[in-house]
C-alpha atoms as a PDB file:
ATOM      1  CA  UNK A   1       0.000   0.000   0.000  1.00  0.00           C
ATOM      2  CA  UNK A   2       1.404   3.363  -1.042  1.00  0.00           C
ATOM      3  CA  UNK A   3       1.464   6.075   1.593  1.00  0.00           C
ATOM      4  CA  UNK A   4       1.433   9.841   1.087  1.00  0.00           C
ATOM      5  CA  UNK A   5       4.451  12.008   1.788  1.00  0.00           C
ATOM      6  CA  UNK A   6       2.789  13.591   4.799  1.00  0.00           C
ATOM      7  CA  UNK A   7       2.018  10.138   6.202  1.00  0.00           C
ATOM      8  CA  UNK A   8       5.600   8.983   5.656  1.00  0.00           C
ATOM      9  CA  UNK A   9       6.958  12.040   7.413  1.00  0.00           C
ATOM     10  CA  UNK A  10       4.575  11.637  10.311  1.00  0.00           C
ATOM     11  CA  UNK A  11       5.846   8.095  10.890  1.00  0.00           C
ATOM     12  CA  UNK A  12       9.519   8.969  10.802  1.00  0.00           C
ATOM     13  CA  UNK A  13      11.196   8.781  14.212  1.00  0.00           C
ATOM     14  CA  UNK A  14      14.833   9.483  14.952  1.00  0.00           C
ATOM     15  CA  UNK A  15      16.854   8.623  18.050  1.00  0.00           C
ATOM     16  CA  UNK A  16      19.081  11.219  19.681  1.00  0.00           C
ATOM     17  CA  UNK A  17      22.703  10.066  19.582  1.00  0.00           C
ATOM     18  CA  UNK A  18      25.857  11.291  21.254  1.00  0.00           C
ATOM     19  CA  UNK A  19      29.294  12.012  19.831  1.00  0.00           C
ATOM     20  CA  UNK A  20      30.891  11.004  23.121  1.00  0.00           C
ATOM     21  CA  UNK A  21      32.134  14.537  23.710  1.00  0.00           C
ATOM     22  CA  UNK A  22      28.977  15.932  25.253  1.00  0.00           C
ATOM     23  CA  UNK A  23      27.277  16.856  21.956  1.00  0.00           C
ATOM     24  CA  UNK A  24      24.099  15.292  20.607  1.00  0.00           C
ATOM     25  CA  UNK A  25      22.925  14.814  17.050  1.00  0.00           C
ATOM     26  CA  UNK A  26      19.986  13.430  15.087  1.00  0.00           C
ATOM     27  CA  UNK A  27      19.839  12.485  11.405  1.00  0.00           C
ATOM     28  CA  UNK A  28      17.613  14.399   8.949  1.00  0.00           C
ATOM     29  CA  UNK A  29      15.351  12.466   6.537  1.00  0.00           C
ATOM     30  CA  UNK A  30      17.048  12.178   3.123  1.00  0.00           C
ATOM     31  CA  UNK A  31      13.752  12.693   1.282  1.00  0.00           C
ATOM     32  CA  UNK A  32      13.200  16.071   2.972  1.00  0.00           C
ATOM     33  CA  UNK A  33      16.753  17.237   2.176  1.00  0.00           C
ATOM     34  CA  UNK A  34      16.242  16.395  -1.502  1.00  0.00           C
ATOM     35  CA  UNK A  35      12.795  18.027  -1.712  1.00  0.00           C
ATOM     36  CA  UNK A  36      13.981  21.370  -0.309  1.00  0.00           C
ATOM     37  CA  UNK A  37      17.050  21.310  -2.590  1.00  0.00           C
ATOM     38  CA  UNK A  38      19.736  21.147   0.099  1.00  0.00           C
ATOM     39  CA  UNK A  39      23.145  19.495  -0.093  1.00  0.00           C
ATOM     40  CA  UNK A  40      26.084  18.639   2.124  1.00  0.00           C
ATOM     41  CA  UNK A  41      27.501  21.745   3.762  1.00  0.00           C
ATOM     42  CA  UNK A  42      24.257  23.775   3.634  1.00  0.00           C
ATOM     43  CA  UNK A  43      23.188  25.245   6.953  1.00  0.00           C
ATOM     44  CA  UNK A  44      19.913  24.975   8.842  1.00  0.00           C
ATOM     45  CA  UNK A  45      18.506  27.072  11.662  1.00  0.00           C
ATOM     46  CA  UNK A  46      16.844  25.733  14.816  1.00  0.00           C
ATOM     47  CA  UNK A  47      14.165  27.954  16.353  1.00  0.00           C
ATOM     48  CA  UNK A  48      12.832  27.168  19.823  1.00  0.00           C
ATOM     49  CA  UNK A  49       9.059  26.834  19.974  1.00  0.00           C
ATOM     50  CA  UNK A  50       6.629  26.685  22.842  1.00  0.00           C
ATOM     51  CA  UNK A  51       5.796  23.234  24.284  1.00  0.00           C
ATOM     52  CA  UNK A  52       9.479  22.199  24.064  1.00  0.00           C
ATOM     53  CA  UNK A  53       9.480  22.049  20.253  1.00  0.00           C
ATOM     54  CA  UNK A  54      12.239  22.912  17.766  1.00  0.00           C
ATOM     55  CA  UNK A  55      11.589  24.263  14.271  1.00  0.00           C
ATOM     56  CA  UNK A  56      14.236  23.362  11.681  1.00  0.00           C
ATOM     57  CA  UNK A  57      14.434  25.695   8.679  1.00  0.00           C
ATOM     58  CA  UNK A  58      16.918  25.904   5.789  1.00  0.00           C
ATOM     59  CA  UNK A  59      18.922  29.073   6.401  1.00  0.00           C
ATOM     60  CA  UNK A  60      18.534  30.068   2.761  1.00  0.00           C
ATOM     61  CA  UNK A  61      14.773  30.260   3.303  1.00  0.00           C
ATOM     62  CA  UNK A  62      14.982  32.505   6.337  1.00  0.00           C
ATOM     63  CA  UNK A  63      13.701  35.516   4.384  1.00  0.00           C
ATOM     64  CA  UNK A  64      10.408  34.431   2.800  1.00  0.00           C
ATOM     65  CA  UNK A  65       9.429  38.066   2.215  1.00  0.00           C
ATOM     66  CA  UNK A  66      12.284  38.432  -0.290  1.00  0.00           C
ATOM     67  CA  UNK A  67      10.503  36.100  -2.684  1.00  0.00           C
ATOM     68  CA  UNK A  68       8.682  38.001  -5.422  1.00  0.00           C
ATOM     69  CA  UNK A  69       5.379  36.140  -5.445  1.00  0.00           C
ATOM     70  CA  UNK A  70       3.377  37.156  -8.492  1.00  0.00           C
ATOM     71  CA  UNK A  71      -0.345  36.870  -8.970  1.00  0.00           C
ATOM     72  CA  UNK A  72      -2.359  37.585 -12.097  1.00  0.00           C
ATOM     73  CA  UNK A  73      -5.983  38.636 -12.476  1.00  0.00           C
ATOM     74  CA  UNK A  74      -7.660  38.290 -15.866  1.00  0.00           C
ATOM     75  CA  UNK A  75     -10.522  40.773 -16.154  1.00  0.00           C
ATOM     76  CA  UNK A  76     -13.574  39.793 -18.196  1.00  0.00           C
ATOM     77  CA  UNK A  77     -15.356  42.544 -20.195  1.00  0.00           C
ATOM     78  CA  UNK A  78     -18.363  42.416 -17.830  1.00  0.00           C
ATOM     79  CA  UNK A  79     -16.309  42.491 -14.580  1.00  0.00           C
ATOM     80  CA  UNK A  80     -17.499  45.001 -11.982  1.00  0.00           C
ATOM     81  CA  UNK A  81     -15.225  47.335  -9.974  1.00  0.00           C
ATOM     82  CA  UNK A  82     -16.259  45.598  -6.737  1.00  0.00           C
ATOM     83  CA  UNK A  83     -15.275  42.210  -8.151  1.00  0.00           C
ATOM     84  CA  UNK A  84     -11.866  43.527  -9.191  1.00  0.00           C
ATOM     85  CA  UNK A  85     -11.360  45.073  -5.743  1.00  0.00           C
ATOM     86  CA  UNK A  86     -12.131  41.782  -4.011  1.00  0.00           C
ATOM     87  CA  UNK A  87      -9.698  39.855  -6.200  1.00  0.00           C
ATOM     88  CA  UNK A  88      -6.850  42.310  -5.667  1.00  0.00           C
ATOM     89  CA  UNK A  89      -7.405  42.312  -1.889  1.00  0.00           C
ATOM     90  CA  UNK A  90      -7.491  38.497  -1.825  1.00  0.00           C
ATOM     91  CA  UNK A  91      -4.118  38.225  -3.594  1.00  0.00           C
ATOM     92  CA  UNK A  92      -2.659  40.874  -1.283  1.00  0.00           C
ATOM     93  CA  UNK A  93      -3.892  39.112   1.844  1.00  0.00           C
ATOM     94  CA  UNK A  94      -2.467  35.709   0.880  1.00  0.00           C
ATOM     95  CA  UNK A  95       0.983  37.235   0.415  1.00  0.00           C
ATOM     96  CA  UNK A  96       1.556  38.161  -3.224  1.00  0.00           C
ATOM     97  CA  UNK A  97       4.080  40.962  -3.621  1.00  0.00           C
ATOM     98  CA  UNK A  98       3.285  41.634  -7.284  1.00  0.00           C
ATOM     99  CA  UNK A  99      -0.279  41.703  -8.607  1.00  0.00           C
ATOM    100  CA  UNK A 100      -0.857  41.996 -12.342  1.00  0.00           C
ATOM    101  CA  UNK A 101      -4.281  42.951 -13.687  1.00  0.00           C
ATOM    102  CA  UNK A 102      -4.821  42.116 -17.349  1.00  0.00           C
ATOM    103  CA  UNK A 103      -7.840  42.402 -19.601  1.00  0.00           C
ATOM    104  CA  UNK A 104      -9.196  39.393 -21.480  1.00  0.00           C
ATOM    105  CA  UNK A 105     -10.592  41.711 -24.148  1.00  0.00           C
ATOM    106  CA  UNK A 106      -7.366  43.678 -24.506  1.00  0.00           C
ATOM    107  CA  UNK A 107      -8.599  46.856 -22.832  1.00  0.00           C
ATOM    108  CA  UNK A 108      -9.376  47.913 -19.247  1.00  0.00           C
ATOM    109  CA  UNK A 109     -12.354  50.224 -18.848  1.00  0.00           C
ATOM    110  CA  UNK A 110     -11.895  53.631 -17.226  1.00  0.00           C
ATOM    111  CA  UNK A 111     -13.910  52.555 -14.163  1.00  0.00           C
ATOM    112  CA  UNK A 112     -11.719  49.465 -13.658  1.00  0.00           C
ATOM    113  CA  UNK A 113      -8.540  51.534 -13.976  1.00  0.00           C
ATOM    114  CA  UNK A 114      -9.888  54.045 -11.451  1.00  0.00           C
ATOM    115  CA  UNK A 115     -10.717  51.150  -9.114  1.00  0.00           C
ATOM    116  CA  UNK A 116      -7.181  49.748  -9.329  1.00  0.00           C
ATOM    117  CA  UNK A 117      -5.706  53.160  -8.443  1.00  0.00           C
ATOM    118  CA  UNK A 118      -8.136  53.570  -5.547  1.00  0.00           C
ATOM    119  CA  UNK A 119      -7.324  50.124  -4.114  1.00  0.00           C
ATOM    120  CA  UNK A 120      -3.589  50.810  -4.225  1.00  0.00           C
ATOM    121  CA  UNK A 121      -3.843  54.241  -2.634  1.00  0.00           C
ATOM    122  CA  UNK A 122      -6.553  53.762  -0.026  1.00  0.00           C
ATOM    123  CA  UNK A 123      -6.952  50.075   0.854  1.00  0.00           C
ATOM    124  CA  UNK A 124      -3.556  48.334   0.833  1.00  0.00           C
ATOM    125  CA  UNK A 125      -0.662  49.346   3.085  1.00  0.00           C
ATOM    126  CA  UNK A 126       2.697  49.675   1.302  1.00  0.00           C
ATOM    127  CA  UNK A 127       1.304  49.122  -2.190  1.00  0.00           C
ATOM    128  CA  UNK A 128       2.034  51.212  -5.277  1.00  0.00           C
ATOM    129  CA  UNK A 129       0.766  51.191  -8.850  1.00  0.00           C
ATOM    130  CA  UNK A 130       4.086  50.753 -10.656  1.00  0.00           C
ATOM    131  CA  UNK A 131       2.847  50.149 -14.184  1.00  0.00           C
ATOM    132  CA  UNK A 132      -0.355  51.128 -15.980  1.00  0.00           C
ATOM    133  CA  UNK A 133      -1.592  51.014 -19.557  1.00  0.00           C
ATOM    134  CA  UNK A 134      -4.904  50.678 -21.339  1.00  0.00           C
ATOM    135  CA  UNK A 135      -4.463  46.891 -21.316  1.00  0.00           C
ATOM    136  CA  UNK A 136      -2.939  46.130 -17.902  1.00  0.00           C
ATOM    137  CA  UNK A 137      -1.842  47.406 -14.508  1.00  0.00           C
ATOM    138  CA  UNK A 138       0.744  46.165 -12.021  1.00  0.00           C
ATOM    139  CA  UNK A 139       0.625  46.648  -8.257  1.00  0.00           C
ATOM    140  CA  UNK A 140       3.778  46.184  -6.171  1.00  0.00           C
ATOM    141  CA  UNK A 141       3.870  45.674  -2.395  1.00  0.00           C
ATOM    142  CA  UNK A 142       6.949  47.647  -1.321  1.00  0.00           C
ATOM    143  CA  UNK A 143       6.645  47.337   2.447  1.00  0.00           C
ATOM    144  CA  UNK A 144       8.692  44.472   3.923  1.00  0.00           C
ATOM    145  CA  UNK A 145       7.506  42.473   6.920  1.00  0.00           C
ATOM    146  CA  UNK A 146       9.826  43.743   9.690  1.00  0.00           C
ATOM    147  CA  UNK A 147       8.831  47.372   9.117  1.00  0.00           C
ATOM    148  CA  UNK A 148       5.418  47.006  10.769  1.00  0.00           C
ATOM    149  CA  UNK A 149       5.119  44.420  13.545  1.00  0.00           C
ATOM    150  CA  UNK A 150       1.668  43.028  14.291  1.00  0.00           C
ATOM    151  CA  UNK A 151       1.511  44.352  17.896  1.00  0.00           C
ATOM    152  CA  UNK A 152       2.576  47.825  16.713  1.00  0.00           C
ATOM    153  CA  UNK A 153      -0.101  47.875  14.020  1.00  0.00           C
ATOM    154  CA  UNK A 154      -2.760  46.801  16.516  1.00  0.00           C
ATOM    155  CA  UNK A 155      -1.700  49.572  18.903  1.00  0.00           C
ATOM    156  CA  UNK A 156      -2.022  52.040  16.038  1.00  0.00           C
ATOM    157  CA  UNK A 157      -5.437  50.662  15.114  1.00  0.00           C
ATOM    158  CA  UNK A 158      -6.661  50.981  18.698  1.00  0.00           C
ATOM    159  CA  UNK A 159      -5.392  54.575  18.862  1.00  0.00           C
ATOM    160  CA  UNK A 160      -7.230  55.488  15.649  1.00  0.00           C
ATOM    161  CA  UNK A 161     -10.379  53.712  16.787  1.00  0.00           C
ATOM    162  CA  UNK A 162     -10.274  55.529  20.133  1.00  0.00           C
ATOM    163  CA  UNK A 163     -10.008  58.898  18.378  1.00  0.00           C
ATOM    164  CA  UNK A 164     -12.854  57.963  16.030  1.00  0.00           C
ATOM    165  CA  UNK A 165     -15.160  57.114  18.919  1.00  0.00           C
ATOM    166  CA  UNK A 166     -14.267  60.285  20.816  1.00  0.00           C
ATOM    167  CA  UNK A 167     -14.789  62.491  17.741  1.00  0.00           C
ATOM    168  CA  UNK A 168     -18.051  60.737  16.867  1.00  0.00           C
ATOM    169  CA  UNK A 169     -19.427  61.526  20.326  1.00  0.00           C
ATOM    170  CA  UNK A 170     -18.206  65.116  20.010  1.00  0.00           C
ATOM    171  CA  UNK A 171     -19.936  65.418  16.644  1.00  0.00           C
ATOM    172  CA  UNK A 172     -23.147  64.194  18.266  1.00  0.00           C
ATOM    173  CA  UNK A 173     -22.837  66.491  21.282  1.00  0.00           C
ATOM    174  CA  UNK A 174     -22.094  69.599  19.205  1.00  0.00           C
ATOM    175  CA  UNK A 175     -24.174  68.677  16.158  1.00  0.00           C
ATOM    176  CA  UNK A 176     -20.959  69.087  14.190  1.00  0.00           C
ATOM    177  CA  UNK A 177     -21.647  67.705  10.736  1.00  0.00           C
ATOM    178  CA  UNK A 178     -18.138  68.312   9.406  1.00  0.00           C
ATOM    179  CA  UNK A 179     -16.524  66.382  12.259  1.00  0.00           C
ATOM    180  CA  UNK A 180     -18.969  63.513  11.833  1.00  0.00           C
ATOM    181  CA  UNK A 181     -18.202  63.229   8.122  1.00  0.00           C
ATOM    182  CA  UNK A 182     -14.467  63.240   8.875  1.00  0.00           C
ATOM    183  CA  UNK A 183     -14.835  60.268  11.242  1.00  0.00           C
ATOM    184  CA  UNK A 184     -16.618  58.271   8.547  1.00  0.00           C
ATOM    185  CA  UNK A 185     -13.721  58.898   6.132  1.00  0.00           C
ATOM    186  CA  UNK A 186     -11.084  57.779   8.651  1.00  0.00           C
ATOM    187  CA  UNK A 187     -12.629  54.324   8.751  1.00  0.00           C
ATOM    188  CA  UNK A 188     -10.813  53.478   5.482  1.00  0.00           C
ATOM    189  CA  UNK A 189      -7.494  53.764   7.353  1.00  0.00           C
ATOM    190  CA  UNK A 190      -8.579  51.022   9.730  1.00  0.00           C
ATOM    191  CA  UNK A 191      -9.450  48.726   6.852  1.00  0.00           C
ATOM    192  CA  UNK A 192      -5.957  49.222   5.375  1.00  0.00           C
ATOM    193  CA  UNK A 193      -4.228  48.254   8.621  1.00  0.00           C
ATOM    194  CA  UNK A 194      -6.578  45.328   9.160  1.00  0.00           C
ATOM    195  CA  UNK A 195      -5.784  43.830   5.742  1.00  0.00           C
ATOM    196  CA  UNK A 196      -2.065  44.274   6.349  1.00  0.00           C
ATOM    197  CA  UNK A 197      -2.197  42.414   9.675  1.00  0.00           C
ATOM    198  CA  UNK A 198      -4.189  39.581   8.085  1.00  0.00           C
ATOM    199  CA  UNK A 199      -1.557  39.384   5.335  1.00  0.00           C
ATOM    200  CA  UNK A 200       1.200  39.049   7.932  1.00  0.00           C
ATOM    201  CA  UNK A 201      -0.656  36.437   9.976  1.00  0.00           C
ATOM    202  CA  UNK A 202      -1.395  34.266   6.938  1.00  0.00           C
ATOM    203  CA  UNK A 203       2.253  34.464   5.902  1.00  0.00           C
ATOM    204  CA  UNK A 204       3.431  33.512   9.391  1.00  0.00           C
ATOM    205  CA  UNK A 205       1.170  30.448   9.440  1.00  0.00           C
ATOM    206  CA  UNK A 206       2.777  29.281   6.190  1.00  0.00           C
ATOM    207  CA  UNK A 207       6.298  30.267   7.295  1.00  0.00           C
ATOM    208  CA  UNK A 208       6.618  29.673  11.070  1.00  0.00           C
ATOM    209  CA  UNK A 209      10.183  31.001  11.014  1.00  0.00           C
ATOM    210  CA  UNK A 210       8.640  34.452  10.360  1.00  0.00           C
ATOM    211  CA  UNK A 211       6.719  34.557  13.645  1.00  0.00           C
ATOM    212  CA  UNK A 212       9.322  36.382  15.679  1.00  0.00           C
ATOM    213  CA  UNK A 213       9.995  38.785  12.824  1.00  0.00           C
ATOM    214  CA  UNK A 214       6.372  40.017  12.860  1.00  0.00           C
ATOM    215  CA  UNK A 215       6.280  40.330  16.652  1.00  0.00           C
ATOM    216  CA  UNK A 216       4.632  37.063  17.725  1.00  0.00           C
ATOM    217  CA  UNK A 217       5.877  34.158  19.794  1.00  0.00           C
ATOM    218  CA  UNK A 218       4.093  31.081  18.481  1.00  0.00           C
ATOM    219  CA  UNK A 219       1.766  29.961  15.693  1.00  0.00           C
ATOM    220  CA  UNK A 220      -0.973  29.510  18.300  1.00  0.00           C
ATOM    221  CA  UNK A 221      -1.185  33.284  18.564  1.00  0.00           C
ATOM    222  CA  UNK A 222      -2.054  33.777  14.886  1.00  0.00           C
ATOM    223  CA  UNK A 223      -5.701  32.746  15.249  1.00  0.00           C
ATOM    224  CA  UNK A 224      -6.096  34.845  18.393  1.00  0.00           C
ATOM    225  CA  UNK A 225      -4.556  37.916  16.799  1.00  0.00           C
ATOM    226  CA  UNK A 226      -6.782  37.438  13.746  1.00  0.00           C
ATOM    227  CA  UNK A 227      -9.818  37.688  16.046  1.00  0.00           C
ATOM    228  CA  UNK A 228      -8.335  40.713  17.819  1.00  0.00           C
ATOM    229  CA  UNK A 229      -7.699  42.467  14.501  1.00  0.00           C
ATOM    230  CA  UNK A 230     -11.260  41.862  13.334  1.00  0.00           C
ATOM    231  CA  UNK A 231     -12.673  43.000  16.680  1.00  0.00           C
ATOM    232  CA  UNK A 232     -10.809  46.322  16.598  1.00  0.00           C
ATOM    233  CA  UNK A 233     -11.671  46.878  12.936  1.00  0.00           C
ATOM    234  CA  UNK A 234     -15.370  46.153  13.565  1.00  0.00           C
ATOM    235  CA  UNK A 235     -15.322  48.463  16.595  1.00  0.00           C
ATOM    236  CA  UNK A 236     -14.058  51.230  14.323  1.00  0.00           C
ATOM    237  CA  UNK A 237     -16.939  50.470  11.952  1.00  0.00           C
ATOM    238  CA  UNK A 238     -19.361  51.065  14.829  1.00  0.00           C
ATOM    239  CA  UNK A 239     -17.609  54.296  15.778  1.00  0.00           C
ATOM    240  CA  UNK A 240     -18.103  55.401  12.174  1.00  0.00           C
ATOM    241  CA  UNK A 241     -21.771  54.416  12.418  1.00  0.00           C
ATOM    242  CA  UNK A 242     -22.153  56.583  15.513  1.00  0.00           C
ATOM    243  CA  UNK A 243     -20.714  59.478  13.510  1.00  0.00           C
ATOM    244  CA  UNK A 244     -22.951  58.722  10.527  1.00  0.00           C
ATOM    245  CA  UNK A 245     -26.067  58.623  12.697  1.00  0.00           C
ATOM    246  CA  UNK A 246     -25.052  61.875  14.369  1.00  0.00           C
ATOM    247  CA  UNK A 247     -25.569  63.563  10.985  1.00  0.00           C
ATOM    248  CA  UNK A 248     -29.326  63.102  11.412  1.00  0.00           C
ATOM    249  CA  UNK A 249     -29.479  65.787  14.106  1.00  0.00           C
ATOM    250  CA  UNK A 250     -29.568  69.440  13.135  1.00  0.00           C
ATOM    251  CA  UNK A 251     -29.864  70.629  16.732  1.00  0.00           C
ATOM    252  CA  UNK A 252     -28.158  70.093  20.084  1.00  0.00           C
ATOM    253  CA  UNK A 253     -29.612  67.185  22.039  1.00  0.00           C
ATOM    254  CA  UNK A 254     -30.862  67.372  25.605  1.00  0.00           C
ATOM    255  CA  UNK A 255     -27.858  67.536  27.959  1.00  0.00           C
ATOM    256  CA  UNK A 256     -29.150  64.805  30.267  1.00  0.00           C
ATOM    257  CA  UNK A 257     -29.541  62.466  27.319  1.00  0.00           C
ATOM    258  CA  UNK A 258     -26.061  63.345  26.105  1.00  0.00           C
ATOM    259  CA  UNK A 259     -24.589  62.561  29.519  1.00  0.00           C
ATOM    260  CA  UNK A 260     -26.224  59.134  29.491  1.00  0.00           C
ATOM    261  CA  UNK A 261     -24.904  58.446  26.021  1.00  0.00           C
ATOM    262  CA  UNK A 262     -21.450  59.595  27.081  1.00  0.00           C
ATOM    263  CA  UNK A 263     -21.542  57.228  30.076  1.00  0.00           C
ATOM    264  CA  UNK A 264     -22.305  54.327  27.725  1.00  0.00           C
ATOM    265  CA  UNK A 265     -19.521  55.422  25.357  1.00  0.00           C
ATOM    266  CA  UNK A 266     -16.970  55.808  28.153  1.00  0.00           C
ATOM    267  CA  UNK A 267     -17.825  52.362  29.532  1.00  0.00           C
ATOM    268  CA  UNK A 268     -17.347  50.755  26.115  1.00  0.00           C
ATOM    269  CA  UNK A 269     -14.091  52.638  25.540  1.00  0.00           C
ATOM    270  CA  UNK A 270     -12.725  51.620  28.931  1.00  0.00           C
ATOM    271  CA  UNK A 271     -13.546  47.972  28.243  1.00  0.00           C
ATOM    272  CA  UNK A 272     -11.699  48.146  24.921  1.00  0.00           C
ATOM    273  CA  UNK A 273      -8.673  49.864  26.469  1.00  0.00           C
ATOM    274  CA  UNK A 274      -8.513  47.262  29.227  1.00  0.00           C
ATOM    275  CA  UNK A 275      -8.856  44.358  26.792  1.00  0.00           C
ATOM    276  CA  UNK A 276      -6.033  45.632  24.571  1.00  0.00           C
ATOM    277  CA  UNK A 277      -3.884  46.343  27.620  1.00  0.00           C
ATOM    278  CA  UNK A 278      -4.493  42.797  28.860  1.00  0.00           C
ATOM    279  CA  UNK A 279      -3.485  41.431  25.444  1.00  0.00           C
ATOM    280  CA  UNK A 280      -0.096  43.102  25.369  1.00  0.00           C
ATOM    281  CA  UNK A 281       0.541  42.525  29.080  1.00  0.00           C
ATOM    282  CA  UNK A 282      -0.670  38.907  28.770  1.00  0.00           C
ATOM    283  CA  UNK A 283      -2.684  39.507  31.915  1.00  0.00           C
ATOM    284  CA  UNK A 284      -5.365  36.881  32.580  1.00  0.00           C
ATOM    285  CA  UNK A 285      -6.937  38.707  35.530  1.00  0.00           C
ATOM    286  CA  UNK A 286      -7.171  41.981  33.625  1.00  0.00           C
ATOM    287  CA  UNK A 287      -8.877  40.243  30.716  1.00  0.00           C
ATOM    288  CA  UNK A 288     -11.326  38.603  33.103  1.00  0.00           C
ATOM    289  CA  UNK A 289     -12.303  42.009  34.462  1.00  0.00           C
ATOM    290  CA  UNK A 290     -13.460  43.004  30.964  1.00  0.00           C
ATOM    291  CA  UNK A 291     -15.879  40.078  30.830  1.00  0.00           C
ATOM    292  CA  UNK A 292     -17.360  41.111  34.148  1.00  0.00           C
ATOM    293  CA  UNK A 293     -18.299  44.470  32.591  1.00  0.00           C
ATOM    294  CA  UNK A 294     -20.401  42.834  29.841  1.00  0.00           C
ATOM    295  CA  UNK A 295     -23.616  42.885  31.873  1.00  0.00           C
ATOM    296  CA  UNK A 296     -23.069  46.499  32.935  1.00  0.00           C
ATOM    297  CA  UNK A 297     -22.846  47.823  29.410  1.00  0.00           C
ATOM    298  CA  UNK A 298     -25.908  45.825  28.342  1.00  0.00           C
ATOM    299  CA  UNK A 299     -27.845  47.297  31.259  1.00  0.00           C
ATOM    300  CA  UNK A 300     -26.751  50.823  30.316  1.00  0.00           C
ATOM    301  CA  UNK A 301     -27.959  50.317  26.755  1.00  0.00           C
ATOM    302  CA  UNK A 302     -31.299  48.839  27.881  1.00  0.00           C
ATOM    303  CA  UNK A 303     -31.884  51.763  30.230  1.00  0.00           C
ATOM    304  CA  UNK A 304     -31.192  54.257  27.461  1.00  0.00           C
ATOM    305  CA  UNK A 305     -33.480  52.513  24.985  1.00  0.00           C
ATOM    306  CA  UNK A 306     -36.321  52.489  27.518  1.00  0.00           C
ATOM    307  CA  UNK A 307     -35.787  56.179  28.069  1.00  0.00           C
ATOM    308  CA  UNK A 308     -35.785  56.920  24.336  1.00  0.00           C
ATOM    309  CA  UNK A 309     -39.136  55.186  23.922  1.00  0.00           C
ATOM    310  CA  UNK A 310     -40.621  57.735  26.315  1.00  0.00           C
ATOM    311  CA  UNK A 311     -39.031  60.739  24.609  1.00  0.00           C
ATOM    312  CA  UNK A 312     -41.068  62.873  22.232  1.00  0.00           C
ATOM    313  CA  UNK A 313     -38.937  63.259  19.112  1.00  0.00           C
ATOM    314  CA  UNK A 314     -39.150  62.599  15.376  1.00  0.00           C
ATOM    315  CA  UNK A 315     -39.040  58.928  14.392  1.00  0.00           C
ATOM    316  CA  UNK A 316     -35.824  59.340  12.398  1.00  0.00           C
ATOM    317  CA  UNK A 317     -34.025  60.898  15.391  1.00  0.00           C
ATOM    318  CA  UNK A 318     -35.232  58.218  17.774  1.00  0.00           C
ATOM    319  CA  UNK A 319     -34.112  55.521  15.314  1.00  0.00           C
ATOM    320  CA  UNK A 320     -30.677  57.160  14.967  1.00  0.00           C
ATOM    321  CA  UNK A 321     -30.229  57.312  18.752  1.00  0.00           C
ATOM    322  CA  UNK A 322     -31.171  53.653  19.156  1.00  0.00           C
ATOM    323  CA  UNK A 323     -28.621  52.703  16.507  1.00  0.00           C
ATOM    324  CA  UNK A 324     -25.999  54.811  18.298  1.00  0.00           C
ATOM    325  CA  UNK A 325     -26.754  52.985  21.556  1.00  0.00           C
ATOM    326  CA  UNK A 326     -26.456  49.641  19.790  1.00  0.00           C
ATOM    327  CA  UNK A 327     -23.096  50.588  18.225  1.00  0.00           C
ATOM    328  CA  UNK A 328     -21.654  51.694  21.558  1.00  0.00           C
ATOM    329  CA  UNK A 329     -22.786  48.455  23.171  1.00  0.00           C
ATOM    330  CA  UNK A 330     -21.265  46.450  20.313  1.00  0.00           C
ATOM    331  CA  UNK A 331     -17.894  48.146  20.890  1.00  0.00           C
ATOM    332  CA  UNK A 332     -18.021  46.832  24.454  1.00  0.00           C
ATOM    333  CA  UNK A 333     -18.899  43.358  23.177  1.00  0.00           C
ATOM    334  CA  UNK A 334     -15.942  43.348  20.793  1.00  0.00           C
ATOM    335  CA  UNK A 335     -13.782  44.203  23.789  1.00  0.00           C
ATOM    336  CA  UNK A 336     -15.020  41.019  25.467  1.00  0.00           C
ATOM    337  CA  UNK A 337     -14.092  39.042  22.325  1.00  0.00           C
ATOM    338  CA  UNK A 338     -10.519  40.339  22.684  1.00  0.00           C
ATOM    339  CA  UNK A 339     -10.577  39.514  26.397  1.00  0.00           C
ATOM    340  CA  UNK A 340     -11.598  35.925  25.634  1.00  0.00           C
ATOM    341  CA  UNK A 341      -8.635  35.617  23.262  1.00  0.00           C
ATOM    342  CA  UNK A 342      -6.347  36.779  26.072  1.00  0.00           C
ATOM    343  CA  UNK A 343      -7.842  34.195  28.433  1.00  0.00           C
ATOM    344  CA  UNK A 344      -7.173  31.432  25.916  1.00  0.00           C
ATOM    345  CA  UNK A 345      -3.586  32.564  25.351  1.00  0.00           C
ATOM    346  CA  UNK A 346      -2.745  32.990  29.036  1.00  0.00           C
ATOM    347  CA  UNK A 347      -4.818  30.359  30.850  1.00  0.00           C
ATOM    348  CA  UNK A 348      -1.865  27.978  31.199  1.00  0.00           C
ATOM    349  CA  UNK A 349       0.280  30.696  32.707  1.00  0.00           C
ATOM    350  CA  UNK A 350      -2.469  31.643  35.158  1.00  0.00           C
ATOM    351  CA  UNK A 351      -2.911  28.143  36.553  1.00  0.00           C
ATOM    352  CA  UNK A 352      -1.435  27.465  39.962  1.00  0.00           C
ATOM    353  CA  UNK A 353       1.041  24.613  40.096  1.00  0.00           C
ATOM    354  CA  UNK A 354       0.662  22.542  43.249  1.00  0.00           C
ATOM    355  CA  UNK A 355       3.017  19.812  44.336  1.00  0.00           C
END
């Protein structure tokens, strides 16, 4: 019976041997050496992993980001700008450094060319349109992995999201339409950072030797940080929705109502700050405190909604305020999602060892 390569590798076991001079060695499977194109004298790197593991990597492959991975998109005559955007983003996220867009009919429409420029400038971090003609366009990712570590990007995202929420509440309190519109525009910046982090995490899963270079410790963290990234990005979406709904009001709201809304906003913001702090501090107890606040923020929202039902105001204003309350509560809920990730990553460390 013929077995697959993965099965053969899984069954291979090697014994640790000694040179007699205090050093230990273990043989490497010949099949693996041949498949990766190594030969006698080539060097390998051992990287310590969690759970007492060692990762062996050919030293020549230590810089996976140097590889110029190319991806091509063939555009049909009836392709829509949204479809082209999704395809470009997909190739970017899975790690392609060069993305070529070509037309099946021999010509790219003006709307498609405008879309390609917009994607490069406003949606993808470190990407430039390096070649453009009526028939094709080429995007190049110029930013290398070590320049933006995952934790640093997440800190930046949280800072932007915090400013968005604060400005959205200010726009509501002052009936400042210009400020509200500005918050909505900033949301695109969050999407750019989010896609970049996802790109890094996907690459690290495929190339475990890259983990330390992007600021992580183990592959286990990749899934958790993917959830954290999405939670912060979605929180920013809700901050933008608060700003968008604030545009409904052409007058200053009742001060008592504004204070209640501000209390809800501050509670959600504090939960998010604490959750992110717990993530970077790897603090189990701090993360647990965020989960305790889940019921409080739900109660604050319920109380506000009940109050709004008793208020005499136009239906569109009441609807906008209810959506604002929901968005603020959702920000708090996304904070609890981050806190749960921290619990999963730190639960082993938090356990007491008794002998």
